[in-house]
Amino acid sequence: MTTRITLLCLPATSALRAGRFPADEPLDLEQAESIAGLAHVFSRSDQVLCSPARCAQHTARALGLVPTIEPALREVNYGRWAGLSLKEVAVSEPLEIASWLSDPKLDSHGGESLNSAIERISQWLEHYGWAPGHTLIITHASVIKAVILHVLRAPNQAYWQLDIAPLTQTILSVHQDKWRLQSSGAPVPAGQPTRAIRP
């Protein structure tokens, strides 16, 4: 049996638009109204999973969905840098930010290293009990990048070579523990519902 998985990247929060490290910001009202227009696209999902972040839960509600909150889909923990801009950190901790941007094993901010986050997400991906049909996952760009690295068996250093834009979808499938990346970073097709694959 095949499981088809759509990873929906969260819309840009105020932190992302300002170039700040995320700190569990809510979804803007204007964004929620815009997202509501996409509700029909994911209406046929058999299962909906979502990050525990407020923005993720707000996105699910704006789509008219009742998700299962999955802790493993949480954002990377950026420690003391959460809420700060990259420029602010570059001024206050230039050596730490430079090292962190070049070495995924470092947790210069006192939070979670990229290696740890990628391992956390990879373990969940492999051990989650995927059911046949279509699963929608509402989560962060960082999580989606980690999933792609795992599926492609790419080195963690390649994390910085991946760009996942807000409100884009990455589509995977898994059959007998074999993963396939079908598309990545594609705009959500507003005109056609996402169809589940039936067993």
N, C-alpha and C. Protein backbone atom coordinates (compact mmCIF):
# COMPACT_ATOMS: atom_id res chain seq x y z
N MET A 1 0.84 -1.19 0.00
CA MET A 1 0.00 0.00 0.00
C MET A 1 0.88 1.25 0.00
N THR A 2 0.46 2.25 -0.74
CA THR A 2 1.24 3.48 -0.88
C THR A 2 0.63 4.60 -0.04
N THR A 3 1.50 5.34 0.62
CA THR A 3 1.09 6.55 1.33
C THR A 3 1.64 7.74 0.57
N ARG A 4 0.78 8.69 0.30
CA ARG A 4 1.20 9.94 -0.33
C ARG A 4 1.18 11.03 0.74
N ILE A 5 2.25 11.79 0.81
CA ILE A 5 2.41 12.77 1.88
C ILE A 5 2.65 14.15 1.26
N THR A 6 1.83 15.10 1.64
CA THR A 6 2.02 16.49 1.23
C THR A 6 2.48 17.29 2.44
N LEU A 7 3.65 17.88 2.33
CA LEU A 7 4.16 18.76 3.38
C LEU A 7 3.87 20.20 2.97
N LEU A 8 3.00 20.85 3.71
CA LEU A 8 2.64 22.24 3.43
C LEU A 8 3.49 23.16 4.30
N CYS A 9 4.28 24.01 3.67
CA CYS A 9 5.11 24.95 4.42
C CYS A 9 4.25 26.09 4.96
N LEU A 10 4.48 26.42 6.20
CA LEU A 10 3.69 27.47 6.84
C LEU A 10 3.84 28.81 6.13
N PRO A 11 2.83 29.66 6.23
CA PRO A 11 2.95 31.01 5.66
C PRO A 11 3.99 31.82 6.43
N ALA A 12 4.46 32.88 5.82
CA ALA A 12 5.47 33.73 6.45
C ALA A 12 4.88 34.45 7.66
N THR A 13 5.49 34.24 8.81
CA THR A 13 5.07 34.96 10.02
C THR A 13 5.74 36.33 10.05
N SER A 14 5.37 37.12 11.03
CA SER A 14 6.00 38.44 11.18
C SER A 14 7.50 38.31 11.40
N ALA A 15 7.92 37.25 12.10
CA ALA A 15 9.35 37.03 12.35
C ALA A 15 10.09 36.75 11.06
N LEU A 16 9.52 35.89 10.23
CA LEU A 16 10.18 35.55 8.97
C LEU A 16 10.28 36.77 8.06
N ARG A 17 9.21 37.54 8.01
CA ARG A 17 9.22 38.73 7.15
C ARG A 17 10.24 39.76 7.62
N ALA A 18 10.51 39.77 8.92
CA ALA A 18 11.48 40.71 9.48
C ALA A 18 12.88 40.12 9.55
N GLY A 19 13.05 38.89 9.08
CA GLY A 19 14.37 38.26 9.10
C GLY A 19 14.81 37.83 10.48
N ARG A 20 13.83 37.47 11.35
CA ARG A 20 14.16 37.05 12.71
C ARG A 20 14.05 35.54 12.87
N PHE A 21 14.79 35.01 13.82
CA PHE A 21 14.64 33.60 14.18
C PHE A 21 13.25 33.43 14.79
N PRO A 22 12.54 32.35 14.44
CA PRO A 22 11.17 32.18 14.92
C PRO A 22 11.08 32.01 16.43
N ALA A 23 9.97 32.50 16.99
CA ALA A 23 9.73 32.39 18.43
C ALA A 23 8.25 32.10 18.68
N ASP A 24 7.69 31.19 17.92
CA ASP A 24 6.30 30.74 18.06
C ASP A 24 5.30 31.88 17.90
N GLU A 25 5.44 32.61 16.80
CA GLU A 25 4.51 33.70 16.50
C GLU A 25 3.18 33.15 15.97
N PRO A 26 2.10 33.89 16.19
CA PRO A 26 0.80 33.47 15.65
C PRO A 26 0.68 33.81 14.17
N LEU A 27 -0.35 33.31 13.55
CA LEU A 27 -0.66 33.64 12.17
C LEU A 27 -1.38 34.98 12.12
N ASP A 28 -0.98 35.83 11.18
CA ASP A 28 -1.66 37.12 11.03
C ASP A 28 -3.09 36.90 10.54
N LEU A 29 -3.99 37.78 10.95
CA LEU A 29 -5.39 37.68 10.55
C LEU A 29 -5.53 37.74 9.03
N GLU A 30 -4.79 38.63 8.40
CA GLU A 30 -4.86 38.76 6.94
C GLU A 30 -4.43 37.47 6.25
N GLN A 31 -3.39 36.83 6.80
CA GLN A 31 -2.93 35.56 6.24
C GLN A 31 -3.99 34.47 6.41
N ALA A 32 -4.61 34.44 7.57
CA ALA A 32 -5.64 33.43 7.84
C ALA A 32 -6.77 33.54 6.83
N GLU A 33 -7.17 34.76 6.52
CA GLU A 33 -8.25 34.96 5.55
C GLU A 33 -7.82 34.51 4.16
N SER A 34 -6.56 34.74 3.81
CA SER A 34 -6.05 34.32 2.51
C SER A 34 -5.96 32.80 2.41
N ILE A 35 -5.49 32.17 3.49
CA ILE A 35 -5.34 30.72 3.51
C ILE A 35 -6.69 30.03 3.42
N ALA A 36 -7.71 30.63 3.99
CA ALA A 36 -9.05 30.03 3.96
C ALA A 36 -9.50 29.75 2.54
N GLY A 37 -9.01 30.53 1.58
CA GLY A 37 -9.36 30.31 0.18
C GLY A 37 -8.77 29.06 -0.41
N LEU A 38 -7.84 28.43 0.31
CA LEU A 38 -7.21 27.19 -0.17
C LEU A 38 -7.81 25.96 0.49
N ALA A 39 -8.84 26.14 1.30
CA ALA A 39 -9.38 25.04 2.09
C ALA A 39 -9.77 23.84 1.24
N HIS A 40 -10.34 24.10 0.06
CA HIS A 40 -10.82 23.00 -0.79
C HIS A 40 -9.67 22.14 -1.33
N VAL A 41 -8.46 22.70 -1.37
CA VAL A 41 -7.33 21.98 -1.97
C VAL A 41 -6.98 20.74 -1.14
N PHE A 42 -7.08 20.87 0.18
CA PHE A 42 -6.67 19.77 1.06
C PHE A 42 -7.85 19.09 1.74
N SER A 43 -9.05 19.31 1.24
CA SER A 43 -10.24 18.81 1.91
C SER A 43 -10.37 17.29 1.87
N ARG A 44 -9.64 16.63 0.97
CA ARG A 44 -9.77 15.18 0.84
C ARG A 44 -8.64 14.41 1.52
N SER A 45 -7.84 15.10 2.30
CA SER A 45 -6.76 14.41 3.01
C SER A 45 -7.33 13.40 4.00
N ASP A 46 -6.72 12.22 4.05
CA ASP A 46 -7.19 11.18 4.97
C ASP A 46 -6.72 11.45 6.40
N GLN A 47 -5.60 12.14 6.53
CA GLN A 47 -5.02 12.42 7.84
C GLN A 47 -4.30 13.76 7.77
N VAL A 48 -4.39 14.52 8.85
CA VAL A 48 -3.72 15.82 8.91
C VAL A 48 -2.86 15.86 10.17
N LEU A 49 -1.57 16.08 9.98
CA LEU A 49 -0.63 16.22 11.08
C LEU A 49 -0.10 17.65 11.08
N CYS A 50 0.27 18.13 12.24
CA CYS A 50 0.67 19.52 12.32
C CYS A 50 1.66 19.75 13.45
N SER A 51 2.57 20.69 13.21
CA SER A 51 3.50 21.14 14.23
C SER A 51 2.72 21.72 15.41
N PRO A 52 3.30 21.65 16.62
CA PRO A 52 2.61 22.26 17.77
C PRO A 52 2.68 23.79 17.78
N ALA A 53 3.42 24.39 16.85
CA ALA A 53 3.54 25.85 16.81
C ALA A 53 2.18 26.51 16.59
N ARG A 54 2.00 27.68 17.17
CA ARG A 54 0.72 28.39 17.04
C ARG A 54 0.38 28.66 15.58
N CYS A 55 1.37 29.08 14.81
CA CYS A 55 1.13 29.38 13.40
C CYS A 55 0.63 28.15 12.65
N ALA A 56 1.18 26.98 12.97
CA ALA A 56 0.76 25.75 12.30
C ALA A 56 -0.68 25.41 12.66
N GLN A 57 -1.02 25.51 13.93
CA GLN A 57 -2.39 25.21 14.35
C GLN A 57 -3.38 26.22 13.78
N HIS A 58 -2.98 27.48 13.73
CA HIS A 58 -3.85 28.50 13.13
C HIS A 58 -4.06 28.23 11.64
N THR A 59 -2.99 27.78 10.97
CA THR A 59 -3.09 27.47 9.54
C THR A 59 -4.08 26.33 9.31
N ALA A 60 -3.98 25.29 10.14
CA ALA A 60 -4.90 24.16 10.01
C ALA A 60 -6.35 24.62 10.20
N ARG A 61 -6.57 25.45 11.21
CA ARG A 61 -7.93 25.93 11.46
C ARG A 61 -8.43 26.80 10.30
N ALA A 62 -7.53 27.62 9.75
CA ALA A 62 -7.92 28.47 8.62
C ALA A 62 -8.32 27.64 7.41
N LEU A 63 -7.73 26.44 7.30
CA LEU A 63 -8.06 25.52 6.21
C LEU A 63 -9.30 24.68 6.53
N GLY A 64 -9.86 24.87 7.71
CA GLY A 64 -11.04 24.11 8.11
C GLY A 64 -10.72 22.68 8.50
N LEU A 65 -9.48 22.44 8.96
CA LEU A 65 -9.04 21.09 9.28
C LEU A 65 -8.86 20.93 10.79
N VAL A 66 -9.01 19.70 11.25
CA VAL A 66 -8.76 19.36 12.65
C VAL A 66 -7.54 18.45 12.67
N PRO A 67 -6.36 18.99 12.97
CA PRO A 67 -5.14 18.20 12.87
C PRO A 67 -4.81 17.42 14.13
N THR A 68 -3.94 16.44 13.96
CA THR A 68 -3.30 15.78 15.09
C THR A 68 -1.97 16.50 15.32
N ILE A 69 -1.75 16.98 16.53
CA ILE A 69 -0.51 17.70 16.83
C ILE A 69 0.61 16.68 17.01
N GLU A 70 1.68 16.86 16.26
CA GLU A 70 2.81 15.93 16.29
C GLU A 70 4.06 16.69 16.78
N PRO A 71 4.51 16.42 18.01
CA PRO A 71 5.66 17.15 18.57
C PRO A 71 6.93 17.08 17.72
N ALA A 72 7.13 15.97 17.02
CA ALA A 72 8.35 15.81 16.22
C ALA A 72 8.41 16.80 15.07
N LEU A 73 7.28 17.40 14.72
CA LEU A 73 7.24 18.35 13.60
C LEU A 73 7.50 19.78 14.05
N ARG A 74 7.94 19.96 15.28
CA ARG A 74 8.18 21.30 15.81
C ARG A 74 9.37 21.97 15.11
N GLU A 75 9.40 23.28 15.22
CA GLU A 75 10.48 24.09 14.67
C GLU A 75 11.79 23.77 15.40
N VAL A 76 12.90 24.02 14.73
CA VAL A 76 14.20 23.91 15.39
C VAL A 76 14.22 24.86 16.59
N ASN A 77 14.80 24.41 17.69
CA ASN A 77 14.93 25.25 18.87
C ASN A 77 16.17 26.14 18.70
N TYR A 78 15.94 27.44 18.50
CA TYR A 78 17.05 28.37 18.26
C TYR A 78 17.58 29.01 19.54
N GLY A 79 17.20 28.47 20.68
CA GLY A 79 17.77 28.91 21.94
C GLY A 79 17.63 30.41 22.16
N ARG A 80 18.73 31.03 22.59
CA ARG A 80 18.68 32.46 22.94
C ARG A 80 18.55 33.36 21.72
N TRP A 81 18.67 32.80 20.51
CA TRP A 81 18.51 33.62 19.30
C TRP A 81 17.05 33.78 18.88
N ALA A 82 16.16 33.02 19.48
CA ALA A 82 14.75 33.10 19.10
C ALA A 82 14.23 34.52 19.27
N GLY A 83 13.62 35.04 18.21
CA GLY A 83 13.08 36.39 18.25
C GLY A 83 14.05 37.47 17.81
N LEU A 84 15.34 37.11 17.66
CA LEU A 84 16.35 38.07 17.22
C LEU A 84 16.54 37.98 15.72
N SER A 85 16.98 39.07 15.12
CA SER A 85 17.27 39.04 13.68
C SER A 85 18.68 38.51 13.45
N LEU A 86 18.91 38.01 12.25
CA LEU A 86 20.23 37.52 11.89
C LEU A 86 21.26 38.64 12.03
N LYS A 87 20.87 39.86 11.67
CA LYS A 87 21.78 41.01 11.79
C LYS A 87 22.13 41.29 13.24
N GLU A 88 21.14 41.19 14.12
CA GLU A 88 21.41 41.43 15.54
C GLU A 88 22.38 40.41 16.10
N VAL A 89 22.18 39.15 15.74
CA VAL A 89 23.08 38.10 16.23
C VAL A 89 24.47 38.27 15.62
N ALA A 90 24.53 38.69 14.37
CA ALA A 90 25.83 38.89 13.71
C ALA A 90 26.64 39.98 14.41
N VAL A 91 25.95 40.95 15.00
CA VAL A 91 26.64 42.02 15.73
C VAL A 91 27.05 41.55 17.13
N SER A 92 26.13 40.87 17.82
CA SER A 92 26.39 40.49 19.22
C SER A 92 27.23 39.22 19.35
N GLU A 93 27.08 38.29 18.40
CA GLU A 93 27.82 37.02 18.46
C GLU A 93 28.34 36.65 17.08
N PRO A 94 29.23 37.44 16.50
CA PRO A 94 29.67 37.20 15.13
C PRO A 94 30.35 35.85 14.91
N LEU A 95 31.18 35.44 15.85
CA LEU A 95 31.87 34.16 15.68
C LEU A 95 30.90 32.99 15.79
N GLU A 96 29.97 33.10 16.73
CA GLU A 96 29.01 32.01 16.95
C GLU A 96 28.10 31.82 15.74
N ILE A 97 27.59 32.93 15.19
CA ILE A 97 26.67 32.80 14.06
C ILE A 97 27.41 32.31 12.82
N ALA A 98 28.64 32.75 12.62
CA ALA A 98 29.42 32.30 11.47
C ALA A 98 29.70 30.81 11.56
N SER A 99 30.03 30.34 12.75
CA SER A 99 30.29 28.91 12.94
C SER A 99 29.02 28.09 12.73
N TRP A 100 27.91 28.58 13.28
CA TRP A 100 26.64 27.86 13.17
C TRP A 100 26.19 27.74 11.72
N LEU A 101 26.40 28.78 10.93
CA LEU A 101 25.98 28.77 9.53
C LEU A 101 26.84 27.85 8.66
N SER A 102 27.94 27.39 9.19
CA SER A 102 28.83 26.53 8.39
C SER A 102 28.97 25.11 8.93
N ASP A 103 28.47 24.88 10.14
CA ASP A 103 28.66 23.55 10.75
C ASP A 103 27.36 23.10 11.42
N PRO A 104 26.64 22.14 10.82
CA PRO A 104 25.33 21.73 11.36
C PRO A 104 25.37 21.00 12.69
N LYS A 105 26.56 20.64 13.16
CA LYS A 105 26.60 19.95 14.45
C LYS A 105 26.65 20.92 15.64
N LEU A 106 26.83 22.22 15.36
CA LEU A 106 26.96 23.20 16.43
C LEU A 106 25.60 23.70 16.91
N ASP A 107 25.51 23.92 18.22
CA ASP A 107 24.32 24.55 18.82
C ASP A 107 24.77 25.82 19.52
N SER A 108 25.35 26.72 18.73
CA SER A 108 25.96 27.94 19.28
C SER A 108 24.98 28.79 20.07
N HIS A 109 23.68 28.66 19.78
CA HIS A 109 22.65 29.46 20.44
C HIS A 109 22.16 28.84 21.74
N GLY A 110 22.67 27.65 22.07
CA GLY A 110 22.23 26.98 23.29
C GLY A 110 20.95 26.20 23.13
N GLY A 111 20.47 26.07 21.89
CA GLY A 111 19.25 25.31 21.63
C GLY A 111 19.55 23.97 21.00
N GLU A 112 19.03 23.75 19.81
CA GLU A 112 19.13 22.47 19.11
C GLU A 112 20.00 22.63 17.86
N SER A 113 21.00 21.78 17.71
CA SER A 113 21.81 21.84 16.49
C SER A 113 20.99 21.33 15.31
N LEU A 114 21.39 21.72 14.12
CA LEU A 114 20.69 21.22 12.93
C LEU A 114 20.83 19.71 12.82
N ASN A 115 21.99 19.18 13.17
CA ASN A 115 22.16 17.72 13.14
C ASN A 115 21.13 17.04 14.04
N SER A 116 20.95 17.59 15.24
CA SER A 116 19.98 17.00 16.18
C SER A 116 18.56 17.10 15.65
N ALA A 117 18.23 18.25 15.06
CA ALA A 117 16.89 18.43 14.51
C ALA A 117 16.64 17.47 13.35
N ILE A 118 17.62 17.33 12.47
CA ILE A 118 17.48 16.44 11.32
C ILE A 118 17.35 15.00 11.78
N GLU A 119 18.11 14.61 12.79
CA GLU A 119 18.02 13.25 13.32
C GLU A 119 16.65 13.02 13.95
N ARG A 120 16.17 13.99 14.70
CA ARG A 120 14.85 13.88 15.33
C ARG A 120 13.76 13.65 14.29
N ILE A 121 13.80 14.41 13.22
CA ILE A 121 12.78 14.32 12.18
C ILE A 121 12.94 13.03 11.37
N SER A 122 14.18 12.63 11.11
CA SER A 122 14.43 11.39 10.37
C SER A 122 13.91 10.18 11.13
N GLN A 123 14.17 10.14 12.43
CA GLN A 123 13.70 9.02 13.25
C GLN A 123 12.18 8.95 13.25
N TRP A 124 11.55 10.10 13.38
CA TRP A 124 10.08 10.11 13.35
C TRP A 124 9.56 9.63 12.01
N LEU A 125 10.17 10.11 10.93
CA LEU A 125 9.72 9.76 9.58
C LEU A 125 9.76 8.25 9.36
N GLU A 126 10.82 7.62 9.84
CA GLU A 126 11.00 6.19 9.61
C GLU A 126 10.14 5.32 10.53
N HIS A 127 9.78 5.83 11.69
CA HIS A 127 9.08 5.00 12.66
C HIS A 127 7.59 5.32 12.80
N TYR A 128 7.14 6.38 12.14
CA TYR A 128 5.72 6.70 12.21
C TYR A 128 4.92 5.63 11.46
N GLY A 129 3.76 5.28 11.95
CA GLY A 129 2.95 4.24 11.31
C GLY A 129 2.12 4.81 10.18
N TRP A 130 2.72 4.93 9.01
CA TRP A 130 2.03 5.52 7.86
C TRP A 130 0.91 4.62 7.36
N ALA A 131 -0.28 5.19 7.23
CA ALA A 131 -1.43 4.45 6.71
C ALA A 131 -1.59 4.75 5.23
N PRO A 132 -2.16 3.81 4.47
CA PRO A 132 -2.41 4.08 3.05
C PRO A 132 -3.33 5.29 2.88
N GLY A 133 -3.17 5.99 1.78
CA GLY A 133 -3.99 7.17 1.52
C GLY A 133 -3.14 8.42 1.47
N HIS A 134 -3.74 9.53 1.78
CA HIS A 134 -3.06 10.82 1.70
C HIS A 134 -2.96 11.46 3.07
N THR A 135 -1.74 11.86 3.44
CA THR A 135 -1.50 12.56 4.70
C THR A 135 -1.00 13.96 4.41
N LEU A 136 -1.64 14.94 5.00
CA LEU A 136 -1.20 16.33 4.92
C LEU A 136 -0.43 16.67 6.18
N ILE A 137 0.76 17.24 6.01
CA ILE A 137 1.58 17.67 7.14
C ILE A 137 1.79 19.18 7.04
N ILE A 138 1.39 19.89 8.07
CA ILE A 138 1.53 21.35 8.12
C ILE A 138 2.69 21.67 9.05
N THR A 139 3.78 22.19 8.49
CA THR A 139 4.98 22.36 9.30
C THR A 139 5.90 23.43 8.74
N HIS A 140 7.08 23.51 9.31
CA HIS A 140 8.04 24.58 9.04
C HIS A 140 8.98 24.21 7.88
N ALA A 141 9.54 25.24 7.26
CA ALA A 141 10.51 25.02 6.18
C ALA A 141 11.69 24.19 6.67
N SER A 142 12.13 24.43 7.90
CA SER A 142 13.27 23.68 8.44
C SER A 142 12.97 22.19 8.52
N VAL A 143 11.75 21.85 8.91
CA VAL A 143 11.36 20.44 9.00
C VAL A 143 11.28 19.82 7.61
N ILE A 144 10.73 20.55 6.67
CA ILE A 144 10.61 20.03 5.30
C ILE A 144 11.99 19.80 4.70
N LYS A 145 12.91 20.71 4.95
CA LYS A 145 14.28 20.54 4.46
C LYS A 145 14.92 19.29 5.06
N ALA A 146 14.68 19.07 6.35
CA ALA A 146 15.22 17.87 7.00
C ALA A 146 14.63 16.60 6.39
N VAL A 147 13.34 16.62 6.09
CA VAL A 147 12.70 15.47 5.45
C VAL A 147 13.33 15.19 4.09
N ILE A 148 13.54 16.23 3.30
CA ILE A 148 14.14 16.06 1.97
C ILE A 148 15.53 15.47 2.08
N LEU A 149 16.34 15.97 3.02
CA LEU A 149 17.69 15.43 3.20
C LEU A 149 17.63 13.94 3.53
N HIS A 150 16.68 13.57 4.39
CA HIS A 150 16.57 12.16 4.77
C HIS A 150 16.15 11.29 3.60
N VAL A 151 15.14 11.73 2.87
CA VAL A 151 14.64 10.93 1.75
C VAL A 151 15.70 10.76 0.66
N LEU A 152 16.46 11.82 0.41
CA LEU A 152 17.50 11.76 -0.63
C LEU A 152 18.83 11.24 -0.11
N ARG A 153 18.90 10.98 1.20
CA ARG A 153 20.14 10.53 1.84
C ARG A 153 21.28 11.51 1.56
N ALA A 154 20.94 12.77 1.60
CA ALA A 154 21.91 13.83 1.35
C ALA A 154 22.60 14.21 2.66
N PRO A 155 23.82 14.73 2.59
CA PRO A 155 24.53 15.15 3.81
C PRO A 155 23.83 16.34 4.46
N ASN A 156 23.92 16.40 5.78
CA ASN A 156 23.26 17.48 6.50
C ASN A 156 23.76 18.86 6.09
N GLN A 157 24.99 18.93 5.63
CA GLN A 157 25.55 20.21 5.19
C GLN A 157 24.73 20.80 4.03
N ALA A 158 24.03 19.94 3.28
CA ALA A 158 23.23 20.40 2.14
C ALA A 158 21.97 21.15 2.59
N TYR A 159 21.71 21.18 3.89
CA TYR A 159 20.56 21.91 4.42
C TYR A 159 20.52 23.34 3.90
N TRP A 160 21.68 23.97 3.83
CA TRP A 160 21.75 25.38 3.43
C TRP A 160 21.58 25.56 1.93
N GLN A 161 21.60 24.48 1.17
CA GLN A 161 21.40 24.58 -0.27
C GLN A 161 19.94 24.39 -0.68
N LEU A 162 19.07 24.20 0.31
CA LEU A 162 17.65 24.00 0.04
C LEU A 162 16.86 25.26 0.40
N ASP A 163 15.96 25.65 -0.47
CA ASP A 163 15.05 26.76 -0.20
C ASP A 163 13.61 26.26 -0.30
N ILE A 164 12.86 26.47 0.75
CA ILE A 164 11.44 26.11 0.77
C ILE A 164 10.65 27.38 1.09
N ALA A 165 9.90 27.86 0.13
CA ALA A 165 9.16 29.11 0.31
C ALA A 165 7.88 28.89 1.11
N PRO A 166 7.40 29.93 1.77
CA PRO A 166 6.13 29.82 2.51
C PRO A 166 4.98 29.43 1.58
N LEU A 167 4.05 28.67 2.14
CA LEU A 167 2.85 28.23 1.42
C LEU A 167 3.16 27.53 0.10
N THR A 168 4.19 26.69 0.14
CA THR A 168 4.47 25.78 -0.97
C THR A 168 4.32 24.36 -0.46
N GLN A 169 4.21 23.42 -1.37
CA GLN A 169 4.04 22.03 -0.96
C GLN A 169 5.16 21.16 -1.51
N THR A 170 5.56 20.21 -0.69
CA THR A 170 6.53 19.19 -1.07
C THR A 170 5.81 17.86 -0.97
N ILE A 171 5.90 17.06 -2.02
CA ILE A 171 5.12 15.82 -2.08
C ILE A 171 6.05 14.61 -2.09
N LEU A 172 5.76 13.67 -1.21
CA LEU A 172 6.51 12.42 -1.08
C LEU A 172 5.56 11.25 -1.21
N SER A 173 6.13 10.08 -1.43
CA SER A 173 5.35 8.85 -1.29
C SER A 173 6.24 7.81 -0.64
N VAL A 174 5.62 6.89 0.07
CA VAL A 174 6.36 5.79 0.68
C VAL A 174 5.59 4.50 0.44
N HIS A 175 6.32 3.48 0.01
CA HIS A 175 5.74 2.17 -0.25
C HIS A 175 6.77 1.12 0.15
N GLN A 176 6.39 0.26 1.09
CA GLN A 176 7.29 -0.78 1.59
C GLN A 176 8.63 -0.18 2.03
N ASP A 177 8.55 0.88 2.80
CA ASP A 177 9.72 1.57 3.38
C ASP A 177 10.63 2.21 2.34
N LYS A 178 10.16 2.34 1.12
CA LYS A 178 10.94 3.02 0.08
C LYS A 178 10.32 4.39 -0.17
N TRP A 179 11.13 5.42 -0.02
CA TRP A 179 10.67 6.79 -0.13
C TRP A 179 10.97 7.36 -1.50
N ARG A 180 10.06 8.20 -1.98
CA ARG A 180 10.28 8.92 -3.24
C ARG A 180 9.89 10.39 -3.04
N LEU A 181 10.75 11.27 -3.53
CA LEU A 181 10.44 12.69 -3.55
C LEU A 181 9.83 13.00 -4.90
N GLN A 182 8.56 13.39 -4.92
CA GLN A 182 7.86 13.62 -6.18
C GLN A 182 7.95 15.07 -6.65
N SER A 183 7.91 16.00 -5.72
CA SER A 183 8.08 17.42 -6.07
C SER A 183 8.41 18.17 -4.79
N SER A 184 9.00 19.35 -4.96
CA SER A 184 9.39 20.13 -3.79
C SER A 184 9.24 21.62 -4.07
N GLY A 185 8.71 22.33 -3.09
CA GLY A 185 8.60 23.77 -3.19
C GLY A 185 7.64 24.27 -4.25
N ALA A 186 6.64 23.45 -4.60
CA ALA A 186 5.69 23.84 -5.65
C ALA A 186 4.56 24.68 -5.05
N PRO A 187 4.09 25.68 -5.77
CA PRO A 187 2.94 26.47 -5.29
C PRO A 187 1.71 25.58 -5.10
N VAL A 188 0.89 25.92 -4.14
CA VAL A 188 -0.35 25.17 -3.93
C VAL A 188 -1.28 25.45 -5.10
N PRO A 189 -1.75 24.40 -5.80
CA PRO A 189 -2.67 24.61 -6.93
C PRO A 189 -4.06 24.99 -6.43
N ALA A 190 -4.42 26.23 -6.57
CA ALA A 190 -5.66 26.72 -5.98
C ALA A 190 -6.91 26.14 -6.63
N GLY A 191 -6.79 25.59 -7.83
CA GLY A 191 -7.99 25.19 -8.54
C GLY A 191 -8.40 23.75 -8.42
N GLN A 192 -7.56 22.89 -7.83
CA GLN A 192 -7.88 21.47 -7.85
C GLN A 192 -7.58 20.83 -6.51
N PRO A 193 -8.52 20.09 -5.93
CA PRO A 193 -8.29 19.44 -4.65
C PRO A 193 -7.18 18.40 -4.73
N THR A 194 -6.46 18.24 -3.61
CA THR A 194 -5.48 17.17 -3.51
C THR A 194 -6.23 15.87 -3.27
N ARG A 195 -6.01 14.89 -4.13
CA ARG A 195 -6.75 13.63 -4.04
C ARG A 195 -5.96 12.59 -3.26
N ALA A 196 -6.67 11.83 -2.46
CA ALA A 196 -6.03 10.75 -1.72
C ALA A 196 -5.81 9.57 -2.64
N ILE A 197 -4.72 8.83 -2.36
CA ILE A 197 -4.48 7.57 -3.06
C ILE A 197 -5.15 6.48 -2.25
N ARG A 198 -6.06 5.77 -2.84
CA ARG A 198 -6.80 4.74 -2.12
C ARG A 198 -6.10 3.40 -2.23
N PRO A 199 -6.14 2.60 -1.17
CA PRO A 199 -5.51 1.28 -1.23
C PRO A 199 -6.23 0.36 -2.20
